[in-house]
All heavy atoms as atom14 arrays in JSON, in Angstrom:
{
  "sequence": "AIDPRNGGVLALVSKPGFDPNLFVDGIDPQSWGELNGSPDKPLLNRA",
  "atom14_mask": [
    [1, 1, 1, 1, 1, 0, 0, 0, 0, 0, 0, 0, 0, 0],
    [1, 1, 1, 1, 1, 1, 1, 1, 0, 0, 0, 0, 0, 0],
    [1, 1, 1, 1, 1, 1, 1, 1, 0, 0, 0, 0, 0, 0],
    [1, 1, 1, 1, 1, 1, 1, 0, 0, 0, 0, 0, 0, 0],
    [1, 1, 1, 1, 1, 1, 1, 1, 1, 1, 1, 0, 0, 0],
    [1, 1, 1, 1, 1, 1, 1, 1, 0, 0, 0, 0, 0, 0],
    [1, 1, 1, 1, 0, 0, 0, 0, 0, 0, 0, 0, 0, 0],
    [1, 1, 1, 1, 0, 0, 0, 0, 0, 0, 0, 0, 0, 0],
    [1, 1, 1, 1, 1, 1, 1, 0, 0, 0, 0, 0, 0, 0],
    [1, 1, 1, 1, 1, 1, 1, 1, 0, 0, 0, 0, 0, 0],
    [1, 1, 1, 1, 1, 0, 0, 0, 0, 0, 0, 0, 0, 0],
    [1, 1, 1, 1, 1, 1, 1, 1, 0, 0, 0, 0, 0, 0],
    [1, 1, 1, 1, 1, 1, 1, 0, 0, 0, 0, 0, 0, 0],
    [1, 1, 1, 1, 1, 1, 0, 0, 0, 0, 0, 0, 0, 0],
    [1, 1, 1, 1, 1, 1, 1, 1, 1, 0, 0, 0, 0, 0],
    [1, 1, 1, 1, 1, 1, 1, 0, 0, 0, 0, 0, 0, 0],
    [1, 1, 1, 1, 0, 0, 0, 0, 0, 0, 0, 0, 0, 0],
    [1, 1, 1, 1, 1, 1, 1, 1, 1, 1, 1, 0, 0, 0],
    [1, 1, 1, 1, 1, 1, 1, 1, 0, 0, 0, 0, 0, 0],
    [1, 1, 1, 1, 1, 1, 1, 0, 0, 0, 0, 0, 0, 0],
    [1, 1, 1, 1, 1, 1, 1, 1, 0, 0, 0, 0, 0, 0],
    [1, 1, 1, 1, 1, 1, 1, 1, 0, 0, 0, 0, 0, 0],
    [1, 1, 1, 1, 1, 1, 1, 1, 1, 1, 1, 0, 0, 0],
    [1, 1, 1, 1, 1, 1, 1, 0, 0, 0, 0, 0, 0, 0],
    [1, 1, 1, 1, 1, 1, 1, 1, 0, 0, 0, 0, 0, 0],
    [1, 1, 1, 1, 0, 0, 0, 0, 0, 0, 0, 0, 0, 0],
    [1, 1, 1, 1, 1, 1, 1, 1, 0, 0, 0, 0, 0, 0],
    [1, 1, 1, 1, 1, 1, 1, 1, 0, 0, 0, 0, 0, 0],
    [1, 1, 1, 1, 1, 1, 1, 0, 0, 0, 0, 0, 0, 0],
    [1, 1, 1, 1, 1, 1, 1, 1, 1, 0, 0, 0, 0, 0],
    [1, 1, 1, 1, 1, 1, 0, 0, 0, 0, 0, 0, 0, 0],
    [1, 1, 1, 1, 1, 1, 1, 1, 1, 1, 1, 1, 1, 1],
    [1, 1, 1, 1, 0, 0, 0, 0, 0, 0, 0, 0, 0, 0],
    [1, 1, 1, 1, 1, 1, 1, 1, 1, 0, 0, 0, 0, 0],
    [1, 1, 1, 1, 1, 1, 1, 1, 0, 0, 0, 0, 0, 0],
    [1, 1, 1, 1, 1, 1, 1, 1, 0, 0, 0, 0, 0, 0],
    [1, 1, 1, 1, 0, 0, 0, 0, 0, 0, 0, 0, 0, 0],
    [1, 1, 1, 1, 1, 1, 0, 0, 0, 0, 0, 0, 0, 0],
    [1, 1, 1, 1, 1, 1, 1, 0, 0, 0, 0, 0, 0, 0],
    [1, 1, 1, 1, 1, 1, 1, 1, 0, 0, 0, 0, 0, 0],
    [1, 1, 1, 1, 1, 1, 1, 1, 1, 0, 0, 0, 0, 0],
    [1, 1, 1, 1, 1, 1, 1, 0, 0, 0, 0, 0, 0, 0],
    [1, 1, 1, 1, 1, 1, 1, 1, 0, 0, 0, 0, 0, 0],
    [1, 1, 1, 1, 1, 1, 1, 1, 0, 0, 0, 0, 0, 0],
    [1, 1, 1, 1, 1, 1, 1, 1, 0, 0, 0, 0, 0, 0],
    [1, 1, 1, 1, 1, 1, 1, 1, 1, 1, 1, 0, 0, 0],
    [1, 1, 1, 1, 1, 0, 0, 0, 0, 0, 0, 0, 0, 0]
  ],
  "atom14_positions": [
    [[137.52, 116.7, 84.13], [138.23, 115.75, 83.3], [139.7, 116.1, 83.27], [140.05, 117.24, 83.0], [137.67, 115.77, 81.86], [0.0, 0.0, 0.0], [0.0, 0.0, 0.0], [0.0, 0.0, 0.0], [0.0, 0.0, 0.0], [0.0, 0.0, 0.0], [0.0, 0.0, 0.0], [0.0, 0.0, 0.0], [0.0, 0.0, 0.0], [0.0, 0.0, 0.0]],
    [[140.56, 115.13, 83.62], [142.01, 115.35, 83.73], [142.76, 114.37, 82.83], [142.42, 113.17, 82.77], [142.49, 115.18, 85.21], [141.85, 116.25, 86.1], [144.0, 115.29, 85.31], [142.2, 116.11, 87.54], [0.0, 0.0, 0.0], [0.0, 0.0, 0.0], [0.0, 0.0, 0.0], [0.0, 0.0, 0.0], [0.0, 0.0, 0.0], [0.0, 0.0, 0.0]],
    [[143.78, 114.89, 82.13], [144.68, 114.0, 81.4], [145.64, 113.35, 82.35], [146.47, 114.02, 82.95], [145.45, 114.88, 80.36], [146.28, 114.0, 79.38], [146.6, 112.85, 79.75], [146.63, 114.46, 78.3], [0.0, 0.0, 0.0], [0.0, 0.0, 0.0], [0.0, 0.0, 0.0], [0.0, 0.0, 0.0], [0.0, 0.0, 0.0], [0.0, 0.0, 0.0]],
    [[145.56, 112.02, 82.55], [146.42, 111.36, 83.53], [147.92, 111.47, 83.24], [148.73, 111.37, 84.13], [145.99, 109.89, 83.46], [144.67, 109.89, 82.83], [144.67, 111.06, 81.86], [0.0, 0.0, 0.0], [0.0, 0.0, 0.0], [0.0, 0.0, 0.0], [0.0, 0.0, 0.0], [0.0, 0.0, 0.0], [0.0, 0.0, 0.0], [0.0, 0.0, 0.0]],
    [[148.24, 111.73, 81.98], [149.68, 111.76, 81.56], [150.39, 113.01, 82.04], [151.62, 112.99, 82.17], [149.76, 111.67, 80.04], [149.17, 110.42, 79.44], [149.07, 110.51, 77.94], [148.16, 111.57, 77.54], [147.87, 111.86, 76.27], [148.46, 111.2, 75.28], [147.02, 112.83, 76.01], [0.0, 0.0, 0.0], [0.0, 0.0, 0.0], [0.0, 0.0, 0.0]],
    [[149.69, 114.1, 82.31], [150.36, 115.32, 82.73], [149.55, 116.18, 83.76], [150.08, 117.22, 84.19], [150.71, 116.17, 81.5], [149.5, 116.44, 80.65], [148.35, 116.5, 81.13], [149.71, 116.65, 79.34], [0.0, 0.0, 0.0], [0.0, 0.0, 0.0], [0.0, 0.0, 0.0], [0.0, 0.0, 0.0], [0.0, 0.0, 0.0], [0.0, 0.0, 0.0]],
    [[148.4, 115.8, 84.1], [147.6, 116.56, 85.04], [146.83, 117.73, 84.43], [146.22, 118.51, 85.16], [0.0, 0.0, 0.0], [0.0, 0.0, 0.0], [0.0, 0.0, 0.0], [0.0, 0.0, 0.0], [0.0, 0.0, 0.0], [0.0, 0.0, 0.0], [0.0, 0.0, 0.0], [0.0, 0.0, 0.0], [0.0, 0.0, 0.0], [0.0, 0.0, 0.0]],
    [[146.88, 117.84, 83.13], [146.15, 118.95, 82.46], [144.67, 118.8, 82.61], [144.15, 117.73, 82.28], [0.0, 0.0, 0.0], [0.0, 0.0, 0.0], [0.0, 0.0, 0.0], [0.0, 0.0, 0.0], [0.0, 0.0, 0.0], [0.0, 0.0, 0.0], [0.0, 0.0, 0.0], [0.0, 0.0, 0.0], [0.0, 0.0, 0.0], [0.0, 0.0, 0.0]],
    [[144.0, 119.84, 83.01], [142.52, 119.81, 83.18], [141.88, 120.1, 81.83], [141.99, 121.22, 81.31], [142.06, 120.81, 84.26], [140.54, 120.78, 84.41], [142.75, 120.53, 85.62], [0.0, 0.0, 0.0], [0.0, 0.0, 0.0], [0.0, 0.0, 0.0], [0.0, 0.0, 0.0], [0.0, 0.0, 0.0], [0.0, 0.0, 0.0], [0.0, 0.0, 0.0]],
    [[141.16, 119.13, 81.32], [140.55, 119.29, 80.03], [139.15, 119.87, 80.07], [138.7, 120.45, 79.11], [140.46, 117.87, 79.32], [141.82, 117.13, 79.18], [141.54, 115.77, 78.63], [142.77, 117.92, 78.31], [0.0, 0.0, 0.0], [0.0, 0.0, 0.0], [0.0, 0.0, 0.0], [0.0, 0.0, 0.0], [0.0, 0.0, 0.0], [0.0, 0.0, 0.0]],
    [[138.49, 119.66, 81.2], [137.17, 120.29, 81.43], [136.97, 120.45, 82.9], [137.4, 119.56, 83.7], [136.05, 119.41, 80.82], [0.0, 0.0, 0.0], [0.0, 0.0, 0.0], [0.0, 0.0, 0.0], [0.0, 0.0, 0.0], [0.0, 0.0, 0.0], [0.0, 0.0, 0.0], [0.0, 0.0, 0.0], [0.0, 0.0, 0.0], [0.0, 0.0, 0.0]],
    [[136.41, 121.56, 83.33], [136.08, 121.82, 84.74], [134.75, 122.54, 84.73], [134.69, 123.76, 84.45], [137.18, 122.59, 85.44], [137.08, 122.61, 86.97], [138.5, 122.64, 87.57], [136.24, 123.75, 87.49], [0.0, 0.0, 0.0], [0.0, 0.0, 0.0], [0.0, 0.0, 0.0], [0.0, 0.0, 0.0], [0.0, 0.0, 0.0], [0.0, 0.0, 0.0]],
    [[133.69, 121.83, 85.05], [132.31, 122.35, 84.94], [131.66, 122.39, 86.3], [131.81, 121.48, 87.1], [131.47, 121.45, 83.98], [130.0, 121.79, 84.06], [131.98, 121.56, 82.54], [0.0, 0.0, 0.0], [0.0, 0.0, 0.0], [0.0, 0.0, 0.0], [0.0, 0.0, 0.0], [0.0, 0.0, 0.0], [0.0, 0.0, 0.0], [0.0, 0.0, 0.0]],
    [[131.0, 123.51, 86.56], [130.13, 123.6, 87.73], [128.82, 124.2, 87.29], [128.83, 125.3, 86.68], [130.79, 124.46, 88.8], [129.87, 124.61, 89.9], [0.0, 0.0, 0.0], [0.0, 0.0, 0.0], [0.0, 0.0, 0.0], [0.0, 0.0, 0.0], [0.0, 0.0, 0.0], [0.0, 0.0, 0.0], [0.0, 0.0, 0.0], [0.0, 0.0, 0.0]],
    [[127.72, 123.49, 87.48], [126.42, 123.98, 87.03], [125.47, 124.1, 88.19], [125.41, 123.17, 89.03], [125.85, 123.06, 85.97], [124.61, 123.61, 85.31], [124.31, 122.97, 83.94], [123.16, 123.78, 83.29], [122.75, 123.17, 82.01], [0.0, 0.0, 0.0], [0.0, 0.0, 0.0], [0.0, 0.0, 0.0], [0.0, 0.0, 0.0], [0.0, 0.0, 0.0]],
    [[124.67, 125.17, 88.25], [124.61, 126.26, 87.3], [125.79, 127.21, 87.45], [126.42, 127.32, 88.47], [123.3, 126.93, 87.62], [123.15, 126.73, 89.11], [123.68, 125.35, 89.32], [0.0, 0.0, 0.0], [0.0, 0.0, 0.0], [0.0, 0.0, 0.0], [0.0, 0.0, 0.0], [0.0, 0.0, 0.0], [0.0, 0.0, 0.0], [0.0, 0.0, 0.0]],
    [[126.04, 127.94, 86.36], [127.03, 129.03, 86.38], [126.36, 130.36, 86.38], [125.17, 130.49, 86.79], [0.0, 0.0, 0.0], [0.0, 0.0, 0.0], [0.0, 0.0, 0.0], [0.0, 0.0, 0.0], [0.0, 0.0, 0.0], [0.0, 0.0, 0.0], [0.0, 0.0, 0.0], [0.0, 0.0, 0.0], [0.0, 0.0, 0.0], [0.0, 0.0, 0.0]],
    [[127.04, 131.38, 85.95], [126.49, 132.74, 85.93], [127.17, 133.48, 84.8], [128.21, 133.04, 84.24], [126.76, 133.46, 87.26], [128.22, 133.56, 87.63], [129.01, 134.66, 87.21], [128.82, 132.51, 88.35], [130.34, 134.72, 87.55], [130.18, 132.58, 88.7], [130.89, 133.7, 88.27], [0.0, 0.0, 0.0], [0.0, 0.0, 0.0], [0.0, 0.0, 0.0]],
    [[126.63, 134.61, 84.39], [127.21, 135.42, 83.32], [128.28, 136.31, 83.92], [128.03, 137.28, 84.61], [126.12, 136.25, 82.66], [126.69, 137.06, 81.48], [127.86, 136.93, 81.18], [125.9, 137.83, 80.88], [0.0, 0.0, 0.0], [0.0, 0.0, 0.0], [0.0, 0.0, 0.0], [0.0, 0.0, 0.0], [0.0, 0.0, 0.0], [0.0, 0.0, 0.0]],
    [[129.58, 136.02, 83.68], [130.64, 136.85, 84.26], [130.67, 138.28, 83.72], [131.25, 139.17, 84.33], [131.9, 136.06, 83.88], [131.54, 135.3, 82.64], [130.09, 134.94, 82.81], [0.0, 0.0, 0.0], [0.0, 0.0, 0.0], [0.0, 0.0, 0.0], [0.0, 0.0, 0.0], [0.0, 0.0, 0.0], [0.0, 0.0, 0.0], [0.0, 0.0, 0.0]],
    [[130.04, 138.5, 82.58], [130.03, 139.86, 82.01], [129.25, 140.85, 82.88], [129.45, 142.04, 82.8], [129.41, 139.85, 80.59], [130.23, 138.99, 79.61], [131.36, 139.41, 79.29], [129.71, 137.91, 79.14], [0.0, 0.0, 0.0], [0.0, 0.0, 0.0], [0.0, 0.0, 0.0], [0.0, 0.0, 0.0], [0.0, 0.0, 0.0], [0.0, 0.0, 0.0]],
    [[128.33, 140.31, 83.74], [127.62, 141.18, 84.67], [128.52, 141.88, 85.64], [128.19, 142.99, 86.16], [126.6, 140.32, 85.43], [125.44, 139.75, 84.69], [124.63, 138.81, 85.57], [124.5, 140.89, 84.2], [0.0, 0.0, 0.0], [0.0, 0.0, 0.0], [0.0, 0.0, 0.0], [0.0, 0.0, 0.0], [0.0, 0.0, 0.0], [0.0, 0.0, 0.0]],
    [[129.68, 141.3, 85.95], [130.56, 141.83, 86.99], [131.6, 142.87, 86.5], [132.18, 143.56, 87.25], [131.3, 140.69, 87.65], [130.44, 139.84, 88.53], [129.76, 138.76, 87.96], [130.33, 140.06, 89.9], [128.93, 137.96, 88.77], [129.55, 139.27, 90.71], [128.85, 138.21, 90.12], [0.0, 0.0, 0.0], [0.0, 0.0, 0.0], [0.0, 0.0, 0.0]],
    [[131.76, 142.95, 85.15], [132.87, 143.74, 84.62], [132.65, 145.21, 84.92], [133.61, 145.89, 85.37], [132.95, 143.55, 83.1], [134.0, 144.51, 82.49], [133.33, 142.09, 82.75], [0.0, 0.0, 0.0], [0.0, 0.0, 0.0], [0.0, 0.0, 0.0], [0.0, 0.0, 0.0], [0.0, 0.0, 0.0], [0.0, 0.0, 0.0], [0.0, 0.0, 0.0]],
    [[131.44, 145.77, 84.75], [131.2, 147.17, 85.01], [130.81, 147.44, 86.47], [130.56, 148.59, 86.86], [130.05, 147.69, 84.12], [130.43, 147.56, 82.64], [131.59, 147.56, 82.33], [129.48, 147.43, 81.81], [0.0, 0.0, 0.0], [0.0, 0.0, 0.0], [0.0, 0.0, 0.0], [0.0, 0.0, 0.0], [0.0, 0.0, 0.0], [0.0, 0.0, 0.0]],
    [[130.68, 146.39, 87.27], [130.13, 146.52, 88.61], [128.71, 146.08, 88.6], [127.83, 146.77, 88.06], [0.0, 0.0, 0.0], [0.0, 0.0, 0.0], [0.0, 0.0, 0.0], [0.0, 0.0, 0.0], [0.0, 0.0, 0.0], [0.0, 0.0, 0.0], [0.0, 0.0, 0.0], [0.0, 0.0, 0.0], [0.0, 0.0, 0.0], [0.0, 0.0, 0.0]],
    [[128.46, 144.9, 89.14], [127.11, 144.31, 89.09], [126.13, 145.15, 89.94], [126.48, 145.61, 90.99], [127.15, 142.87, 89.58], [125.82, 142.16, 89.34], [127.58, 142.74, 91.04], [125.87, 140.65, 89.5], [0.0, 0.0, 0.0], [0.0, 0.0, 0.0], [0.0, 0.0, 0.0], [0.0, 0.0, 0.0], [0.0, 0.0, 0.0], [0.0, 0.0, 0.0]],
    [[124.93, 145.31, 89.43], [123.95, 146.13, 90.17], [123.33, 145.3, 91.26], [123.37, 144.1, 91.22], [122.83, 146.62, 89.21], [121.98, 145.51, 88.69], [122.38, 144.77, 87.75], [120.88, 145.31, 89.27], [0.0, 0.0, 0.0], [0.0, 0.0, 0.0], [0.0, 0.0, 0.0], [0.0, 0.0, 0.0], [0.0, 0.0, 0.0], [0.0, 0.0, 0.0]],
    [[122.81, 145.94, 92.32], [122.34, 145.22, 93.51], [121.24, 144.18, 93.23], [121.2, 143.14, 93.82], [121.79, 146.35, 94.38], [122.57, 147.54, 94.03], [122.81, 147.41, 92.52], [0.0, 0.0, 0.0], [0.0, 0.0, 0.0], [0.0, 0.0, 0.0], [0.0, 0.0, 0.0], [0.0, 0.0, 0.0], [0.0, 0.0, 0.0], [0.0, 0.0, 0.0]],
    [[120.38, 144.47, 92.23], [119.29, 143.55, 91.93], [119.84, 142.23, 91.36], [119.49, 141.14, 91.78], [118.3, 144.15, 90.94], [117.15, 143.24, 90.62], [116.16, 143.89, 89.66], [116.08, 145.1, 89.52], [115.33, 143.06, 89.01], [0.0, 0.0, 0.0], [0.0, 0.0, 0.0], [0.0, 0.0, 0.0], [0.0, 0.0, 0.0], [0.0, 0.0, 0.0]],
    [[120.77, 142.33, 90.39], [121.35, 141.14, 89.8], [122.18, 140.38, 90.84], [122.15, 139.16, 90.87], [122.23, 141.52, 88.6], [121.51, 142.13, 87.59], [0.0, 0.0, 0.0], [0.0, 0.0, 0.0], [0.0, 0.0, 0.0], [0.0, 0.0, 0.0], [0.0, 0.0, 0.0], [0.0, 0.0, 0.0], [0.0, 0.0, 0.0], [0.0, 0.0, 0.0]],
    [[122.87, 141.09, 91.69], [123.68, 140.49, 92.72], [122.77, 139.71, 93.72], [123.06, 138.6, 94.11], [124.52, 141.49, 93.47], [125.16, 140.97, 94.73], [124.8, 141.22, 96.01], [126.24, 140.03, 94.77], [125.61, 140.55, 96.85], [126.47, 139.77, 96.16], [126.96, 139.34, 93.84], [127.47, 138.91, 96.6], [127.97, 138.47, 94.29], [128.2, 138.26, 95.63]],
    [[121.67, 140.36, 94.07], [120.75, 139.69, 94.99], [120.16, 138.43, 94.4], [119.99, 137.38, 95.12], [0.0, 0.0, 0.0], [0.0, 0.0, 0.0], [0.0, 0.0, 0.0], [0.0, 0.0, 0.0], [0.0, 0.0, 0.0], [0.0, 0.0, 0.0], [0.0, 0.0, 0.0], [0.0, 0.0, 0.0], [0.0, 0.0, 0.0], [0.0, 0.0, 0.0]],
    [[119.85, 138.45, 93.1], [119.3, 137.21, 92.48], [120.32, 136.09, 92.45], [119.96, 134.92, 92.68], [118.88, 137.56, 91.04], [117.65, 138.48, 90.98], [117.35, 138.93, 89.56], [118.13, 138.6, 88.64], [116.36, 139.68, 89.36], [0.0, 0.0, 0.0], [0.0, 0.0, 0.0], [0.0, 0.0, 0.0], [0.0, 0.0, 0.0], [0.0, 0.0, 0.0]],
    [[121.57, 136.39, 92.18], [122.62, 135.37, 92.12], [122.95, 134.87, 93.56], [123.02, 133.69, 93.79], [123.89, 135.93, 91.46], [123.88, 136.15, 89.98], [125.13, 136.8, 89.5], [123.71, 134.79, 89.26], [0.0, 0.0, 0.0], [0.0, 0.0, 0.0], [0.0, 0.0, 0.0], [0.0, 0.0, 0.0], [0.0, 0.0, 0.0], [0.0, 0.0, 0.0]],
    [[123.15, 135.83, 94.44], [123.57, 135.44, 95.8], [122.49, 134.74, 96.55], [122.76, 133.92, 97.44], [124.02, 136.72, 96.54], [124.83, 136.42, 97.79], [125.7, 135.55, 97.75], [124.59, 137.11, 98.86], [0.0, 0.0, 0.0], [0.0, 0.0, 0.0], [0.0, 0.0, 0.0], [0.0, 0.0, 0.0], [0.0, 0.0, 0.0], [0.0, 0.0, 0.0]],
    [[121.24, 135.08, 96.27], [120.14, 134.46, 97.04], [119.51, 133.23, 96.36], [118.57, 132.66, 96.91], [0.0, 0.0, 0.0], [0.0, 0.0, 0.0], [0.0, 0.0, 0.0], [0.0, 0.0, 0.0], [0.0, 0.0, 0.0], [0.0, 0.0, 0.0], [0.0, 0.0, 0.0], [0.0, 0.0, 0.0], [0.0, 0.0, 0.0], [0.0, 0.0, 0.0]],
    [[120.01, 132.83, 95.24], [119.41, 131.71, 94.5], [119.65, 130.4, 95.27], [120.79, 130.12, 95.72], [120.02, 131.59, 93.13], [119.65, 130.37, 92.48], [0.0, 0.0, 0.0], [0.0, 0.0, 0.0], [0.0, 0.0, 0.0], [0.0, 0.0, 0.0], [0.0, 0.0, 0.0], [0.0, 0.0, 0.0], [0.0, 0.0, 0.0], [0.0, 0.0, 0.0]],
    [[118.67, 129.57, 95.43], [118.8, 128.27, 96.08], [119.75, 127.32, 95.25], [120.25, 126.34, 95.87], [117.41, 127.68, 96.15], [116.64, 128.42, 95.07], [117.24, 129.77, 94.99], [0.0, 0.0, 0.0], [0.0, 0.0, 0.0], [0.0, 0.0, 0.0], [0.0, 0.0, 0.0], [0.0, 0.0, 0.0], [0.0, 0.0, 0.0], [0.0, 0.0, 0.0]],
    [[119.93, 127.6, 94.03], [120.82, 126.76, 93.17], [122.28, 127.11, 93.36], [123.18, 126.44, 92.83], [120.45, 126.92, 91.68], [119.12, 126.29, 91.35], [118.72, 125.3, 92.03], [118.44, 126.74, 90.41], [0.0, 0.0, 0.0], [0.0, 0.0, 0.0], [0.0, 0.0, 0.0], [0.0, 0.0, 0.0], [0.0, 0.0, 0.0], [0.0, 0.0, 0.0]],
    [[122.56, 128.2, 94.07], [123.94, 128.61, 94.38], [124.85, 128.68, 93.13], [125.87, 127.98, 93.07], [124.55, 127.73, 95.47], [123.81, 127.73, 96.8], [124.55, 126.97, 97.83], [123.79, 126.91, 99.14], [123.48, 128.26, 99.67], [0.0, 0.0, 0.0], [0.0, 0.0, 0.0], [0.0, 0.0, 0.0], [0.0, 0.0, 0.0], [0.0, 0.0, 0.0]],
    [[124.49, 129.52, 92.17], [125.31, 129.59, 90.93], [126.69, 130.15, 91.16], [127.57, 129.92, 90.3], [124.47, 130.5, 90.04], [123.68, 131.32, 91.01], [123.33, 130.4, 92.13], [0.0, 0.0, 0.0], [0.0, 0.0, 0.0], [0.0, 0.0, 0.0], [0.0, 0.0, 0.0], [0.0, 0.0, 0.0], [0.0, 0.0, 0.0], [0.0, 0.0, 0.0]],
    [[126.95, 130.82, 92.25], [128.25, 131.41, 92.53], [129.22, 130.39, 93.15], [130.44, 130.65, 93.25], [128.16, 132.62, 93.46], [127.37, 133.82, 92.91], [127.21, 134.92, 93.92], [127.99, 134.35, 91.62], [0.0, 0.0, 0.0], [0.0, 0.0, 0.0], [0.0, 0.0, 0.0], [0.0, 0.0, 0.0], [0.0, 0.0, 0.0], [0.0, 0.0, 0.0]],
    [[128.72, 129.24, 93.54], [129.56, 128.18, 94.17], [130.18, 127.35, 93.06], [129.49, 126.79, 92.2], [128.71, 127.27, 95.05], [129.4, 126.02, 95.6], [130.55, 126.38, 96.53], [128.36, 125.1, 96.28], [0.0, 0.0, 0.0], [0.0, 0.0, 0.0], [0.0, 0.0, 0.0], [0.0, 0.0, 0.0], [0.0, 0.0, 0.0], [0.0, 0.0, 0.0]],
    [[131.51, 127.25, 93.12], [132.21, 126.37, 92.19], [132.19, 124.96, 92.79], [133.02, 124.56, 93.6], [133.66, 126.8, 91.99], [134.39, 125.99, 90.93], [133.9, 124.95, 90.49], [135.52, 126.52, 90.46], [0.0, 0.0, 0.0], [0.0, 0.0, 0.0], [0.0, 0.0, 0.0], [0.0, 0.0, 0.0], [0.0, 0.0, 0.0], [0.0, 0.0, 0.0]],
    [[131.2, 124.17, 92.4], [130.98, 122.82, 92.95], [132.18, 121.9, 92.65], [132.44, 120.95, 93.39], [129.72, 122.21, 92.42], [128.46, 122.86, 92.99], [127.21, 122.34, 92.24], [126.01, 122.7, 93.02], [125.37, 123.84, 92.96], [125.82, 124.8, 92.18], [124.32, 124.08, 93.71], [0.0, 0.0, 0.0], [0.0, 0.0, 0.0], [0.0, 0.0, 0.0]],
    [[132.91, 122.13, 91.58], [134.0, 121.27, 91.18], [135.16, 121.34, 92.13], [135.86, 120.33, 92.35], [134.46, 121.58, 89.75], [0.0, 0.0, 0.0], [0.0, 0.0, 0.0], [0.0, 0.0, 0.0], [0.0, 0.0, 0.0], [0.0, 0.0, 0.0], [0.0, 0.0, 0.0], [0.0, 0.0, 0.0], [0.0, 0.0, 0.0], [0.0, 0.0, 0.0]]
  ]
}
């Protein structure tokens, strides 16, 4: 969703997403494998 008057992005959604808190300490291999191998491609920013 963009404001036509100035180009400001009011919403930018890509679903499914992922929990970014998993990456802060260094994501463990199991969680990374689940995200990277998911057929829903949660790491892809579809927008």
